[in-house]
């Protein structure tokens, strides 16, 4: 494991590799948290858009139904 860490951090000294590895882990943790926040925001935006589309389609269908019933009632008069 230490050898892998040395390879990843491009360091031949164990303590230097451990320190660099620690900093890398902290940075990756921050990146992970930022990605989680971005995903949550994207999921919320998607949900909002899906609700708007559903509302639009429901309203559109109601208008089509009203127009159809109005057209039928004017033809029968």
Protein backbone atom coordinates (compact mmCIF):
# COMPACT_ATOMS: atom_id res chain seq x y z
CA UNK A 1 0.00 0.00 0.00
CA UNK A 2 2.84 2.39 0.83
CA UNK A 3 4.46 1.65 -2.52
CA UNK A 4 1.20 2.44 -4.30
CA UNK A 5 0.95 5.70 -2.37
CA UNK A 6 4.52 6.57 -3.31
CA UNK A 7 3.67 5.90 -6.93
CA UNK A 8 0.49 7.98 -6.84
CA UNK A 9 2.18 10.90 -5.10
CA UNK A 10 5.32 10.51 -7.22
CA UNK A 11 7.45 10.49 -4.09
CA UNK A 12 10.17 8.05 -3.02
CA UNK A 13 10.07 9.17 0.63
CA UNK A 14 7.40 7.46 2.74
CA UNK A 15 6.62 10.41 5.01
CA UNK A 16 6.40 12.80 2.07
CA UNK A 17 4.08 10.34 0.28
CA UNK A 18 1.91 10.04 3.39
CA UNK A 19 1.63 13.81 3.74
CA UNK A 20 0.85 14.29 0.04
CA UNK A 21 -1.62 11.42 0.22
CA UNK A 22 -3.37 13.07 3.15
CA UNK A 23 -3.71 16.33 1.26
CA UNK A 24 -4.97 14.46 -1.78
CA UNK A 25 -7.56 12.65 0.34
CA UNK A 26 -8.81 15.94 1.82
CA UNK A 27 -9.02 17.51 -1.64
CA UNK A 28 -10.87 14.49 -3.03
CA UNK A 29 -13.27 14.64 -0.09
CA UNK A 30 -14.02 18.27 -0.89
CA UNK A 31 -14.55 17.44 -4.55
CA UNK A 32 -16.89 14.61 -3.59
CA UNK A 33 -18.99 16.92 -1.42
CA UNK A 34 -19.16 19.50 -4.22
CA UNK A 35 -20.24 16.83 -6.70
CA UNK A 36 -22.93 15.64 -4.28
CA UNK A 37 -24.25 19.19 -3.96
CA UNK A 38 -24.21 19.63 -7.74
CA UNK A 39 -26.08 16.33 -8.19
CA UNK A 40 -28.72 17.32 -5.63
CA UNK A 41 -29.21 20.69 -7.37
CA UNK A 42 -29.46 19.00 -10.77
CA UNK A 43 -31.98 16.47 -9.47
CA UNK A 44 -34.08 19.29 -7.99
CA UNK A 45 -33.94 21.24 -11.25
CA UNK A 46 -35.00 18.11 -13.15
CA UNK A 47 -37.87 17.53 -10.75
CA UNK A 48 -39.00 21.14 -11.15
CA UNK A 49 -38.93 20.81 -14.95
CA UNK A 50 -40.83 17.53 -14.82
CA UNK A 51 -43.54 19.18 -12.70
CA UNK A 52 -43.78 22.11 -15.13
CA UNK A 53 -44.08 19.75 -18.08
CA UNK A 54 -46.75 17.71 -16.31
CA UNK A 55 -48.67 20.89 -15.45
CA UNK A 56 -48.38 22.13 -19.04
CA UNK A 57 -49.59 18.83 -20.50
CA UNK A 58 -52.48 18.63 -18.04
CA UNK A 59 -53.51 22.21 -18.83
CA UNK A 60 -53.16 21.62 -22.56
CA UNK A 61 -55.34 18.52 -22.38
CA UNK A 62 -57.97 20.43 -20.38
CA UNK A 63 -58.02 23.14 -23.06
CA UNK A 64 -58.32 20.54 -25.82
CA UNK A 65 -61.20 18.91 -23.95
CA UNK A 66 -62.95 22.27 -23.45
CA UNK A 67 -62.47 23.23 -27.09
CA UNK A 68 -63.77 19.84 -28.20
CA UNK A 69 -66.87 20.03 -26.03
CA UNK A 70 -67.47 23.64 -27.10
CA UNK A 71 -67.20 22.66 -30.77
CA UNK A 72 -69.66 19.80 -30.28
CA UNK A 73 -72.17 22.02 -28.47
CA UNK A 74 -72.10 24.67 -31.22
CA UNK A 75 -72.64 21.99 -33.89
CA UNK A 76 -75.70 20.57 -32.16
CA UNK A 77 -77.37 23.97 -31.78
